[in-house]
């Protein structure tokens, strides 16, 4: 069923079908309105990203050091080496064209393996989401969680079995 809204022209009460903003009588204002919205979005997007990057992500010293690592040249070289080694294929499900590189053992749990190519694997978005949820329950990583004293799981096929359950 189509959705409707009122025309954005002041004083006009005609209903228009989404995604339009103006009725047929005032349709000449549509392009100008969309251009203003895009201009506003481009001007304000950095403000929202700034808040996330500087307030949410860098909430304590440990997290700050972790996220600073991802801005270094060492990380960009390691990431590219891992992608080339794995041929852009997810090591968990085999999906091609995966461009995310993940630490097998999270760096929050073991910071000694932060810059080790052996601790990196190419992963697709869906597997990365599942693995992150599994890490939060198994290792206790993530915001508001306490790290647990559990043995490290270093083999990809074992991790896949654990987060697929």
N, C-alpha and C. Protein backbone atom coordinates (compact mmCIF):
# COMPACT_ATOMS: atom_id res chain seq x y z
N UNK A 1 0.85 -1.17 0.00
CA UNK A 1 0.00 0.00 0.00
C UNK A 1 0.90 1.24 0.00
N UNK A 2 0.67 2.18 -0.91
CA UNK A 2 1.53 3.36 -0.98
C UNK A 2 1.34 4.27 0.23
N UNK A 3 2.42 4.95 0.57
CA UNK A 3 2.39 5.88 1.71
C UNK A 3 2.26 7.31 1.19
N UNK A 4 1.61 8.15 1.98
CA UNK A 4 1.35 9.53 1.59
C UNK A 4 1.80 10.49 2.67
N UNK A 5 2.04 11.72 2.26
CA UNK A 5 2.34 12.82 3.19
C UNK A 5 1.75 14.10 2.61
N UNK A 6 1.74 15.14 3.45
CA UNK A 6 1.24 16.43 2.98
C UNK A 6 2.29 17.13 2.12
N UNK A 7 1.85 17.94 1.21
CA UNK A 7 2.72 18.76 0.38
C UNK A 7 3.50 19.70 1.30
N UNK A 8 4.77 19.92 1.01
CA UNK A 8 5.64 20.75 1.85
C UNK A 8 5.42 22.25 1.63
N UNK A 9 4.65 22.61 0.64
CA UNK A 9 4.38 24.03 0.38
C UNK A 9 3.51 24.58 1.51
N UNK A 10 3.94 25.68 2.17
CA UNK A 10 3.13 26.25 3.26
C UNK A 10 1.72 26.60 2.78
N UNK A 11 0.73 26.16 3.56
CA UNK A 11 -0.66 26.46 3.25
C UNK A 11 -1.32 25.44 2.33
N UNK A 12 -0.56 24.57 1.70
CA UNK A 12 -1.13 23.56 0.82
C UNK A 12 -1.37 22.28 1.62
N UNK A 13 -2.56 21.75 1.52
CA UNK A 13 -2.90 20.56 2.30
C UNK A 13 -3.10 19.34 1.41
N UNK A 14 -2.62 19.40 0.17
CA UNK A 14 -2.77 18.27 -0.74
C UNK A 14 -1.86 17.13 -0.28
N UNK A 15 -2.30 15.90 -0.54
CA UNK A 15 -1.52 14.72 -0.18
C UNK A 15 -0.71 14.27 -1.39
N UNK A 16 0.56 13.89 -1.14
CA UNK A 16 1.44 13.41 -2.21
C UNK A 16 1.96 12.04 -1.82
N UNK A 17 2.19 11.22 -2.82
CA UNK A 17 2.70 9.88 -2.58
C UNK A 17 4.21 9.93 -2.41
N UNK A 18 4.71 9.20 -1.41
CA UNK A 18 6.16 9.13 -1.20
C UNK A 18 6.82 8.53 -2.42
N UNK A 19 7.98 8.90 -2.83
CA UNK A 19 8.98 9.73 -2.16
C UNK A 19 8.87 11.21 -2.49
N UNK A 20 7.83 11.65 -3.19
CA UNK A 20 7.69 13.06 -3.54
C UNK A 20 7.44 13.90 -2.29
N UNK A 21 7.81 15.19 -2.38
CA UNK A 21 7.62 16.11 -1.27
C UNK A 21 6.59 17.20 -1.59
N UNK A 22 6.29 17.39 -2.88
CA UNK A 22 5.38 18.45 -3.31
C UNK A 22 4.31 17.88 -4.21
N UNK A 23 3.12 18.48 -4.19
CA UNK A 23 2.01 18.06 -5.05
C UNK A 23 2.27 18.51 -6.49
N UNK A 24 1.37 18.11 -7.40
CA UNK A 24 1.54 18.46 -8.82
C UNK A 24 1.50 19.97 -9.02
N UNK A 25 0.73 20.67 -8.20
CA UNK A 25 0.61 22.13 -8.31
C UNK A 25 1.92 22.84 -7.94
N UNK A 26 2.67 22.29 -6.98
CA UNK A 26 3.91 22.91 -6.51
C UNK A 26 5.15 22.08 -6.85
N UNK A 27 5.06 21.22 -7.85
CA UNK A 27 6.15 20.29 -8.16
C UNK A 27 7.45 20.98 -8.58
N UNK A 28 7.38 22.23 -9.00
CA UNK A 28 8.60 22.94 -9.42
C UNK A 28 9.57 23.16 -8.26
N UNK A 29 9.12 23.05 -7.02
CA UNK A 29 9.98 23.23 -5.85
C UNK A 29 10.72 21.96 -5.45
N UNK A 30 10.36 20.82 -6.03
CA UNK A 30 10.92 19.52 -5.64
C UNK A 30 12.44 19.47 -5.84
N UNK A 31 12.93 19.86 -7.01
CA UNK A 31 14.37 19.78 -7.31
C UNK A 31 15.17 20.68 -6.37
N UNK A 32 14.66 21.88 -6.10
CA UNK A 32 15.33 22.80 -5.20
C UNK A 32 15.39 22.23 -3.77
N UNK A 33 14.28 21.63 -3.33
CA UNK A 33 14.24 21.04 -2.00
C UNK A 33 15.25 19.89 -1.87
N UNK A 34 15.30 19.00 -2.85
CA UNK A 34 16.24 17.88 -2.82
C UNK A 34 17.69 18.36 -2.84
N UNK A 35 17.98 19.40 -3.62
CA UNK A 35 19.34 19.95 -3.66
C UNK A 35 19.72 20.52 -2.30
N UNK A 36 18.79 21.22 -1.64
CA UNK A 36 19.07 21.76 -0.30
C UNK A 36 19.32 20.64 0.71
N UNK A 37 18.55 19.56 0.63
CA UNK A 37 18.75 18.42 1.54
C UNK A 37 20.12 17.79 1.35
N UNK A 38 20.52 17.62 0.08
CA UNK A 38 21.84 17.03 -0.19
C UNK A 38 22.95 17.94 0.29
N UNK A 39 22.80 19.23 0.07
CA UNK A 39 23.80 20.20 0.51
C UNK A 39 23.93 20.17 2.04
N UNK A 40 22.79 20.11 2.73
CA UNK A 40 22.82 20.05 4.19
C UNK A 40 23.48 18.75 4.67
N UNK A 41 23.16 17.63 4.04
CA UNK A 41 23.72 16.34 4.45
C UNK A 41 25.23 16.32 4.27
N UNK A 42 25.72 16.86 3.16
CA UNK A 42 27.17 16.89 2.93
C UNK A 42 27.87 17.78 3.95
N UNK A 43 27.23 18.88 4.33
CA UNK A 43 27.85 19.81 5.28
C UNK A 43 27.82 19.28 6.70
N UNK A 44 26.85 18.45 7.04
CA UNK A 44 26.69 18.02 8.43
C UNK A 44 27.14 16.60 8.71
N UNK A 45 27.49 15.82 7.70
CA UNK A 45 27.84 14.42 7.96
C UNK A 45 29.12 14.30 8.78
N UNK A 46 30.07 15.19 8.59
CA UNK A 46 31.33 15.11 9.33
C UNK A 46 31.13 15.37 10.82
N UNK A 47 30.16 16.20 11.16
CA UNK A 47 29.89 16.49 12.57
C UNK A 47 29.45 15.21 13.29
N UNK A 48 28.59 14.43 12.66
CA UNK A 48 28.10 13.21 13.30
C UNK A 48 29.19 12.14 13.36
N UNK A 49 29.99 12.02 12.30
CA UNK A 49 31.10 11.07 12.31
C UNK A 49 32.12 11.47 13.35
N UNK A 50 32.35 12.77 13.50
CA UNK A 50 33.30 13.26 14.49
C UNK A 50 32.88 12.83 15.89
N UNK A 51 31.59 12.95 16.19
CA UNK A 51 31.11 12.56 17.52
C UNK A 51 31.32 11.07 17.75
N UNK A 52 31.01 10.25 16.75
CA UNK A 52 31.19 8.81 16.91
C UNK A 52 32.67 8.47 17.08
N UNK A 53 33.51 9.01 16.23
CA UNK A 53 34.92 8.65 16.27
C UNK A 53 35.64 9.19 17.51
N UNK A 54 35.29 10.37 17.97
CA UNK A 54 36.03 10.96 19.08
C UNK A 54 35.40 10.80 20.44
N UNK A 55 34.12 10.47 20.51
CA UNK A 55 33.48 10.30 21.80
C UNK A 55 33.19 8.83 22.07
N UNK A 56 32.53 8.18 21.15
CA UNK A 56 32.12 6.80 21.37
C UNK A 56 33.28 5.83 21.25
N UNK A 57 34.04 5.90 20.17
CA UNK A 57 35.11 4.93 19.96
C UNK A 57 36.28 5.14 20.91
N UNK A 58 36.61 6.37 21.23
CA UNK A 58 37.79 6.65 22.06
C UNK A 58 37.38 6.93 23.49
N UNK A 59 36.52 6.08 24.06
CA UNK A 59 35.97 6.34 25.38
C UNK A 59 36.96 6.06 26.51
N UNK A 60 38.00 5.27 26.25
CA UNK A 60 39.02 5.04 27.27
C UNK A 60 40.37 4.82 26.59
N UNK A 61 41.44 4.75 27.37
CA UNK A 61 42.78 4.66 26.81
C UNK A 61 43.01 3.37 26.02
N UNK A 62 42.47 2.25 26.50
CA UNK A 62 42.66 0.99 25.80
C UNK A 62 42.04 1.03 24.42
N UNK A 63 40.80 1.46 24.34
CA UNK A 63 40.12 1.55 23.05
C UNK A 63 40.80 2.57 22.14
N UNK A 64 41.25 3.66 22.71
CA UNK A 64 41.91 4.68 21.92
C UNK A 64 43.16 4.13 21.24
N UNK A 65 43.96 3.37 21.97
CA UNK A 65 45.17 2.77 21.38
C UNK A 65 44.82 1.76 20.30
N UNK A 66 43.77 0.99 20.52
CA UNK A 66 43.35 0.01 19.52
C UNK A 66 42.95 0.69 18.22
N UNK A 67 42.13 1.72 18.30
CA UNK A 67 41.65 2.37 17.10
C UNK A 67 42.73 3.21 16.43
N UNK A 68 43.70 3.71 17.19
CA UNK A 68 44.82 4.42 16.58
C UNK A 68 45.65 3.47 15.72
N UNK A 69 45.74 2.20 16.14
CA UNK A 69 46.50 1.21 15.37
C UNK A 69 45.94 1.08 13.96
N UNK A 70 44.62 1.16 13.80
CA UNK A 70 44.00 1.00 12.49
C UNK A 70 44.29 2.18 11.55
N UNK A 71 44.88 3.24 12.05
CA UNK A 71 45.23 4.39 11.22
C UNK A 71 46.70 4.37 10.80
N UNK A 72 47.46 3.37 11.24
CA UNK A 72 48.89 3.34 10.96
C UNK A 72 49.19 2.68 9.62
N UNK A 73 50.38 2.94 9.15
CA UNK A 73 50.85 2.33 7.90
C UNK A 73 51.04 0.82 8.09
N UNK A 74 51.45 0.42 9.28
CA UNK A 74 51.65 -1.01 9.57
C UNK A 74 50.35 -1.77 9.31
N UNK A 75 49.21 -1.23 9.82
CA UNK A 75 47.94 -1.90 9.62
C UNK A 75 47.56 -1.98 8.15
N UNK A 76 47.75 -0.89 7.41
CA UNK A 76 47.35 -0.91 6.00
C UNK A 76 48.17 -1.93 5.21
N UNK A 77 49.46 -2.07 5.54
CA UNK A 77 50.31 -3.06 4.86
C UNK A 77 49.87 -4.47 5.25
N UNK A 78 49.67 -4.71 6.56
CA UNK A 78 49.23 -6.04 7.02
C UNK A 78 47.88 -6.42 6.42
N UNK A 79 46.97 -5.47 6.38
CA UNK A 79 45.64 -5.73 5.84
C UNK A 79 45.74 -6.15 4.38
N UNK A 80 46.53 -5.43 3.60
CA UNK A 80 46.67 -5.76 2.19
C UNK A 80 47.35 -7.12 2.00
N UNK A 81 48.34 -7.44 2.85
CA UNK A 81 48.99 -8.75 2.77
C UNK A 81 47.99 -9.87 3.05
N UNK A 82 47.14 -9.67 4.05
CA UNK A 82 46.13 -10.68 4.38
C UNK A 82 45.13 -10.86 3.24
N UNK A 83 44.69 -9.75 2.64
CA UNK A 83 43.75 -9.84 1.52
C UNK A 83 44.39 -10.57 0.34
N UNK A 84 45.64 -10.25 0.04
CA UNK A 84 46.34 -10.91 -1.07
C UNK A 84 46.55 -12.40 -0.77
N UNK A 85 46.92 -12.72 0.45
CA UNK A 85 47.14 -14.12 0.84
C UNK A 85 45.86 -14.93 0.71
N UNK A 86 44.72 -14.34 1.12
CA UNK A 86 43.44 -15.05 1.12
C UNK A 86 42.66 -14.85 -0.18
N UNK A 87 43.21 -14.11 -1.14
CA UNK A 87 42.58 -13.87 -2.44
C UNK A 87 41.18 -13.27 -2.31
N UNK A 88 40.97 -12.41 -1.31
CA UNK A 88 39.71 -11.70 -1.08
C UNK A 88 38.54 -12.67 -0.87
N UNK A 89 38.81 -13.85 -0.35
CA UNK A 89 37.77 -14.85 -0.08
C UNK A 89 37.61 -14.99 1.42
N UNK A 90 36.36 -14.95 1.90
CA UNK A 90 36.08 -15.10 3.32
C UNK A 90 36.59 -16.46 3.78
N UNK A 91 37.39 -16.48 4.82
CA UNK A 91 37.97 -17.72 5.32
C UNK A 91 36.98 -18.53 6.15
N UNK A 92 35.82 -17.95 6.47
CA UNK A 92 34.83 -18.63 7.29
C UNK A 92 33.75 -19.29 6.45
N UNK A 93 33.30 -18.62 5.37
CA UNK A 93 32.21 -19.18 4.57
C UNK A 93 32.57 -19.35 3.09
N UNK A 94 33.68 -18.77 2.64
CA UNK A 94 34.11 -18.92 1.25
C UNK A 94 33.52 -17.91 0.29
N UNK A 95 32.87 -16.87 0.80
CA UNK A 95 32.28 -15.87 -0.09
C UNK A 95 33.39 -15.05 -0.76
N UNK A 96 33.34 -14.90 -2.09
CA UNK A 96 34.36 -14.11 -2.78
C UNK A 96 34.14 -12.60 -2.59
N UNK A 97 35.14 -11.82 -2.94
CA UNK A 97 35.11 -10.36 -2.89
C UNK A 97 34.87 -9.81 -1.49
N UNK A 98 35.40 -10.47 -0.50
CA UNK A 98 35.32 -9.98 0.88
C UNK A 98 36.50 -9.06 1.11
N UNK A 99 36.25 -7.88 1.64
CA UNK A 99 37.32 -6.89 1.78
C UNK A 99 37.62 -6.52 3.22
N UNK A 100 37.02 -7.21 4.17
CA UNK A 100 37.27 -6.93 5.58
C UNK A 100 38.32 -7.89 6.10
N UNK A 101 39.25 -7.37 6.89
CA UNK A 101 40.26 -8.20 7.54
C UNK A 101 40.03 -8.12 9.03
N UNK A 102 40.00 -9.29 9.68
CA UNK A 102 39.66 -9.37 11.09
C UNK A 102 40.76 -10.10 11.84
N UNK A 103 40.92 -9.75 13.11
CA UNK A 103 41.85 -10.47 13.98
C UNK A 103 41.16 -11.75 14.44
N UNK A 104 41.83 -12.88 14.30
CA UNK A 104 41.26 -14.16 14.71
C UNK A 104 41.05 -14.15 16.22
N UNK A 105 42.11 -13.84 16.97
CA UNK A 105 41.99 -13.61 18.41
C UNK A 105 41.90 -12.10 18.58
N UNK A 106 40.82 -11.57 19.16
CA UNK A 106 40.63 -10.12 19.22
C UNK A 106 41.79 -9.41 19.91
N UNK A 107 42.15 -8.24 19.43
CA UNK A 107 43.27 -7.51 20.02
C UNK A 107 42.93 -7.00 21.40
N UNK A 108 41.65 -6.87 21.68
CA UNK A 108 41.25 -6.48 23.04
C UNK A 108 41.60 -7.58 24.04
N UNK A 109 41.60 -8.82 23.58
CA UNK A 109 41.91 -9.96 24.44
C UNK A 109 43.41 -10.22 24.50
N UNK A 110 44.10 -10.11 23.35
CA UNK A 110 45.54 -10.37 23.30
C UNK A 110 46.21 -9.31 22.42
N UNK A 111 46.74 -8.26 23.04
CA UNK A 111 47.34 -7.17 22.28
C UNK A 111 48.70 -7.53 21.69
N UNK A 112 49.32 -8.61 22.14
CA UNK A 112 50.61 -9.02 21.60
C UNK A 112 50.48 -9.46 20.14
N UNK A 113 49.29 -9.92 19.73
CA UNK A 113 49.07 -10.41 18.37
C UNK A 113 48.50 -9.33 17.45
N UNK A 114 48.51 -8.10 17.89
CA UNK A 114 47.90 -7.02 17.13
C UNK A 114 48.51 -6.89 15.73
N UNK A 115 49.82 -6.96 15.60
CA UNK A 115 50.49 -6.74 14.33
C UNK A 115 51.02 -8.04 13.74
N UNK A 116 50.39 -9.16 14.03
CA UNK A 116 50.83 -10.44 13.50
C UNK A 116 49.96 -10.85 12.33
N UNK A 117 50.59 -11.14 11.20
CA UNK A 117 49.85 -11.56 10.00
C UNK A 117 49.17 -12.91 10.23
N UNK A 118 49.73 -13.72 11.13
CA UNK A 118 49.15 -15.03 11.42
C UNK A 118 47.83 -14.91 12.18
N UNK A 119 47.56 -13.76 12.77
CA UNK A 119 46.33 -13.55 13.52
C UNK A 119 45.27 -12.83 12.69
N UNK A 120 45.48 -12.70 11.38
CA UNK A 120 44.54 -11.99 10.52
C UNK A 120 43.89 -12.95 9.54
N UNK A 121 42.63 -12.68 9.23
CA UNK A 121 41.90 -13.47 8.24
C UNK A 121 40.91 -12.57 7.52
N UNK A 122 40.73 -12.83 6.23
CA UNK A 122 39.72 -12.12 5.46
C UNK A 122 38.36 -12.68 5.84
N UNK A 123 37.38 -11.77 5.97
CA UNK A 123 36.06 -12.17 6.45
C UNK A 123 34.99 -11.31 5.78
N UNK A 124 33.84 -11.91 5.48
CA UNK A 124 32.74 -11.15 4.89
C UNK A 124 31.96 -10.44 6.00
N UNK A 125 31.08 -9.55 5.63
CA UNK A 125 30.34 -8.77 6.62
C UNK A 125 29.46 -9.63 7.52
N UNK A 126 28.76 -10.59 6.92
CA UNK A 126 27.85 -11.43 7.70
C UNK A 126 28.61 -12.27 8.72
N UNK A 127 29.71 -12.89 8.30
CA UNK A 127 30.52 -13.68 9.23
C UNK A 127 31.16 -12.78 10.29
N UNK A 128 31.55 -11.56 9.90
CA UNK A 128 32.16 -10.64 10.85
C UNK A 128 31.16 -10.26 11.94
N UNK A 129 29.91 -10.05 11.55
CA UNK A 129 28.87 -9.73 12.53
C UNK A 129 28.67 -10.90 13.50
N UNK A 130 28.57 -12.12 12.96
CA UNK A 130 28.39 -13.30 13.81
C UNK A 130 29.60 -13.52 14.71
N UNK A 131 30.80 -13.35 14.15
CA UNK A 131 32.02 -13.59 14.93
C UNK A 131 32.14 -12.56 16.05
N UNK A 132 31.79 -11.32 15.79
CA UNK A 132 31.85 -10.28 16.81
C UNK A 132 30.90 -10.61 17.96
N UNK A 133 29.70 -11.06 17.64
CA UNK A 133 28.75 -11.45 18.69
C UNK A 133 29.31 -12.62 19.50
N UNK A 134 29.91 -13.59 18.81
CA UNK A 134 30.49 -14.73 19.50
C UNK A 134 31.64 -14.30 20.40
N UNK A 135 32.51 -13.39 19.91
CA UNK A 135 33.64 -12.89 20.71
C UNK A 135 33.15 -12.20 21.97
N UNK A 136 32.06 -11.45 21.86
CA UNK A 136 31.54 -10.74 23.02
C UNK A 136 31.04 -11.71 24.08
N UNK A 137 30.47 -12.81 23.66
CA UNK A 137 30.00 -13.78 24.66
C UNK A 137 31.12 -14.69 25.15
N UNK A 138 32.05 -15.09 24.27
CA UNK A 138 33.10 -16.03 24.64
C UNK A 138 34.25 -15.34 25.39
N UNK A 139 34.81 -14.28 24.78
CA UNK A 139 35.96 -13.58 25.37
C UNK A 139 35.54 -12.48 26.35
N UNK A 140 34.32 -11.96 26.19
CA UNK A 140 33.89 -10.84 27.02
C UNK A 140 34.39 -9.51 26.48
N UNK A 141 34.61 -9.43 25.17
CA UNK A 141 35.05 -8.17 24.57
C UNK A 141 33.85 -7.27 24.33
N UNK A 142 34.11 -6.04 23.98
CA UNK A 142 33.04 -5.11 23.66
C UNK A 142 32.73 -4.17 24.80
N UNK A 143 31.92 -3.17 24.48
CA UNK A 143 31.59 -2.13 25.44
C UNK A 143 30.77 -2.69 26.60
N UNK A 144 31.21 -2.42 27.80
CA UNK A 144 30.50 -2.82 29.00
C UNK A 144 30.74 -4.25 29.44
N UNK A 145 31.54 -5.01 28.72
CA UNK A 145 31.80 -6.39 29.10
C UNK A 145 33.12 -6.51 29.84
N UNK A 146 33.26 -7.56 30.63
CA UNK A 146 34.50 -7.86 31.34
C UNK A 146 35.19 -9.01 30.61
N UNK A 147 36.50 -8.86 30.37
CA UNK A 147 37.25 -9.92 29.71
C UNK A 147 37.24 -11.17 30.56
N UNK A 148 37.05 -12.32 29.92
CA UNK A 148 37.01 -13.59 30.62
C UNK A 148 38.34 -14.31 30.47
N UNK A 149 38.66 -15.15 31.42
CA UNK A 149 39.88 -15.94 31.36
C UNK A 149 39.53 -17.29 30.72
N UNK A 150 39.55 -17.32 29.39
CA UNK A 150 39.22 -18.53 28.64
C UNK A 150 40.36 -18.82 27.67
N UNK A 151 40.51 -20.06 27.23
CA UNK A 151 41.58 -20.37 26.27
C UNK A 151 41.30 -19.72 24.91
N UNK A 152 42.37 -19.29 24.25
CA UNK A 152 42.24 -18.69 22.92
C UNK A 152 41.86 -19.76 21.91
N UNK A 153 40.99 -19.40 20.99
CA UNK A 153 40.65 -20.28 19.87
C UNK A 153 41.31 -19.67 18.66
N UNK A 154 42.30 -20.34 18.09
CA UNK A 154 43.10 -19.78 16.99
C UNK A 154 42.78 -20.37 15.63
N UNK A 155 42.04 -21.47 15.58
CA UNK A 155 41.75 -22.13 14.31
C UNK A 155 40.41 -21.62 13.77
N UNK A 156 40.43 -21.21 12.52
CA UNK A 156 39.26 -20.60 11.90
C UNK A 156 38.09 -21.57 11.85
N UNK A 157 38.33 -22.85 11.50
CA UNK A 157 37.22 -23.79 11.39
C UNK A 157 36.57 -24.05 12.75
N UNK A 158 37.35 -23.99 13.84
CA UNK A 158 36.76 -24.15 15.17
C UNK A 158 35.89 -22.94 15.53
N UNK A 159 36.39 -21.75 15.20
CA UNK A 159 35.61 -20.52 15.47
C UNK A 159 34.31 -20.56 14.69
N UNK A 160 34.38 -20.99 13.42
CA UNK A 160 33.17 -21.04 12.59
C UNK A 160 32.14 -21.98 13.20
N UNK A 161 32.59 -23.15 13.69
CA UNK A 161 31.66 -24.08 14.32
C UNK A 161 31.04 -23.46 15.57
N UNK A 162 31.84 -22.72 16.34
CA UNK A 162 31.34 -22.13 17.58
C UNK A 162 30.34 -21.01 17.33
N UNK A 163 30.61 -20.12 16.36
CA UNK A 163 29.67 -19.02 16.16
C UNK A 163 28.50 -19.40 15.28
N UNK A 164 28.55 -20.56 14.64
CA UNK A 164 27.42 -21.02 13.82
C UNK A 164 26.36 -21.73 14.65
N UNK A 165 26.69 -22.09 15.87
CA UNK A 165 25.72 -22.80 16.73
C UNK A 165 24.58 -21.91 17.13
